Structure formats: structure tokens, C-alpha cells
């Protein structure tokens, strides 16, 4: 979870048995977006963010063919916490990490 994600999303996913690592727990909350994507890839985690600026780095990587572990983006005003939890849980249960490599997905599904 990027630092911009409400804690309710994290709590909801954990209650549903989804493994979640937050930027706060990983001590990466001040990390720049490129470094956070590299960190997520090294750990094998997809990044969930609500930071529109994060999309710039994703687009850059896709344009030059630089690998990343995958990103899920939801605009803060277009999706509720409950919908984020529901959609992210579904994605966590149907996708393997390799399925998300170099992909950008948008919520709501």
C-alpha cells in the first residue's frame, strides 16, 4: 500500500485474509515513486495507490520497457473504501504476482 491509501482499505483486506504491506510498516513512506516501485518488485508485491502522480512513473516504465511488479490505481473520489477492499480482494485471489507484471489496473473493476 502506498502511503496515500486510507487505513480502512488495509484493515478491510487483512480481515479478509489478504497479505498487505504498507509503506508505513515498511518504512518507505517518504520513498520516491521510482524507488517504491523497485522495492515492491524486489519483494514481489503489487502496489496499490491513490496517488495520480504515481501513474507518471508507471507510464515512463511502460514506455521504455522497464519492468515493475504491477500497480493498481483508484482515484480517491471515484471509489469507496468498501469497493477498494472488494476489488483488491478479488484481484489478490485470482491473480498470481506474475499475472500483474508490468500492468496497470484501475479500480473500480
Protein backbone atom coordinates (compact mmCIF):
# COMPACT_ATOMS: atom_id res chain seq x y z
CA UNK A 1 0.00 0.00 0.00
CA UNK A 2 1.25 3.39 -0.99
CA UNK A 3 1.27 5.98 1.79
CA UNK A 4 -1.82 7.70 0.28
CA UNK A 5 -4.14 4.72 0.84
CA UNK A 6 -6.65 5.04 3.71
CA UNK A 7 -6.02 2.65 6.59
CA UNK A 8 -9.56 1.29 6.20
CA UNK A 9 -8.55 -0.39 2.95
CA UNK A 10 -5.63 -2.11 4.66
CA UNK A 11 -7.75 -3.20 7.63
CA UNK A 12 -10.51 -4.50 5.37
CA UNK A 13 -8.12 -6.57 3.29
CA UNK A 14 -6.39 -8.02 6.32
CA UNK A 15 -9.76 -9.01 7.79
CA UNK A 16 -10.37 -10.93 4.56
CA UNK A 17 -7.05 -12.75 4.79
CA UNK A 18 -5.16 -10.74 2.17
CA UNK A 19 -1.47 -10.13 2.87
CA UNK A 20 -0.76 -6.41 2.87
CA UNK A 21 2.44 -4.44 3.40
CA UNK A 22 2.04 -0.71 3.91
CA UNK A 23 4.61 1.95 3.17
CA UNK A 24 4.35 2.97 6.82
CA UNK A 25 5.23 -0.52 8.13
CA UNK A 26 7.96 -0.98 5.51
CA UNK A 27 9.48 2.41 6.43
CA UNK A 28 9.13 3.57 2.82
CA UNK A 29 6.52 6.31 3.31
CA UNK A 30 8.93 9.04 2.19
CA UNK A 31 10.38 7.00 -0.67
CA UNK A 32 10.14 8.42 -4.19
CA UNK A 33 7.77 6.61 -6.56
CA UNK A 34 10.52 5.01 -8.71
CA UNK A 35 12.24 3.64 -5.61
CA UNK A 36 8.94 2.39 -4.19
CA UNK A 37 8.21 0.51 -7.42
CA UNK A 38 11.68 -1.03 -7.30
CA UNK A 39 11.17 -2.01 -3.65
CA UNK A 40 7.79 -3.60 -4.41
CA UNK A 41 9.30 -5.57 -7.28
CA UNK A 42 12.14 -6.85 -5.11
CA UNK A 43 9.57 -8.08 -2.58
CA UNK A 44 7.17 -9.46 -5.19
CA UNK A 45 4.33 -7.10 -4.25
CA UNK A 46 1.89 -5.23 -6.45
CA UNK A 47 1.48 -1.58 -5.42
CA UNK A 48 -1.95 -0.14 -4.69
CA UNK A 49 -2.02 3.64 -4.85
CA UNK A 50 -4.42 6.55 -4.98
CA UNK A 51 -1.68 9.00 -5.95
CA UNK A 52 -2.19 10.20 -9.52
CA UNK A 53 1.49 11.23 -9.72
CA UNK A 54 2.42 7.55 -9.39
CA UNK A 55 0.90 6.99 -12.84
CA UNK A 56 3.64 9.12 -14.39
CA UNK A 57 6.32 6.66 -13.28
CA UNK A 58 4.23 3.69 -14.43
CA UNK A 59 3.78 5.27 -17.88
CA UNK A 60 7.50 6.00 -18.10
CA UNK A 61 8.38 2.41 -17.28
CA UNK A 62 5.89 1.02 -19.75
CA UNK A 63 7.20 3.36 -22.46
CA UNK A 64 10.84 2.30 -22.03
CA UNK A 65 10.13 -1.34 -21.17
CA UNK A 66 11.41 -1.17 -17.59
CA UNK A 67 9.87 -3.96 -15.52
CA UNK A 68 7.73 -3.39 -12.45
CA UNK A 69 5.65 -5.71 -10.29
CA UNK A 70 2.31 -4.14 -11.20
CA UNK A 71 0.21 -1.24 -9.98
CA UNK A 72 -3.44 -0.92 -9.09
CA UNK A 73 -4.76 2.65 -9.06
CA UNK A 74 -8.01 4.09 -7.76
CA UNK A 75 -8.89 7.77 -7.83
CA UNK A 76 -9.81 8.92 -4.34
CA UNK A 77 -13.15 10.35 -5.45
CA UNK A 78 -14.25 7.55 -7.78
CA UNK A 79 -14.25 4.55 -5.47
CA UNK A 80 -15.23 3.91 -1.85
CA UNK A 81 -13.11 2.13 0.72
CA UNK A 82 -15.51 -0.80 0.61
CA UNK A 83 -15.28 -1.06 -3.17
CA UNK A 84 -11.47 -0.92 -3.00
CA UNK A 85 -11.45 -3.74 -0.46
CA UNK A 86 -13.83 -5.85 -2.51
CA UNK A 87 -11.98 -5.34 -5.80
CA UNK A 88 -8.49 -5.75 -4.32
CA UNK A 89 -9.53 -8.93 -2.52
CA UNK A 90 -10.84 -10.35 -5.79
CA UNK A 91 -7.62 -9.44 -7.60
CA UNK A 92 -5.47 -10.93 -4.82
CA UNK A 93 -7.38 -14.19 -5.04
CA UNK A 94 -7.47 -14.62 -8.83
CA UNK A 95 -4.12 -13.20 -9.95
CA UNK A 96 -0.68 -14.58 -9.32
CA UNK A 97 2.03 -11.91 -8.98
CA UNK A 98 3.38 -12.84 -12.41
CA UNK A 99 -0.04 -12.01 -13.91
CA UNK A 100 0.37 -8.40 -12.76
CA UNK A 101 3.92 -7.86 -14.01
CA UNK A 102 4.19 -4.58 -15.95
CA UNK A 103 0.45 -3.99 -15.71
CA UNK A 104 -1.58 -1.04 -14.53
CA UNK A 105 -5.14 -1.81 -13.42
CA UNK A 106 -7.78 0.71 -12.42
CA UNK A 107 -10.46 0.46 -9.72
CA UNK A 108 -13.35 0.10 -9.64
CA UNK A 109 -13.20 -3.05 -11.73
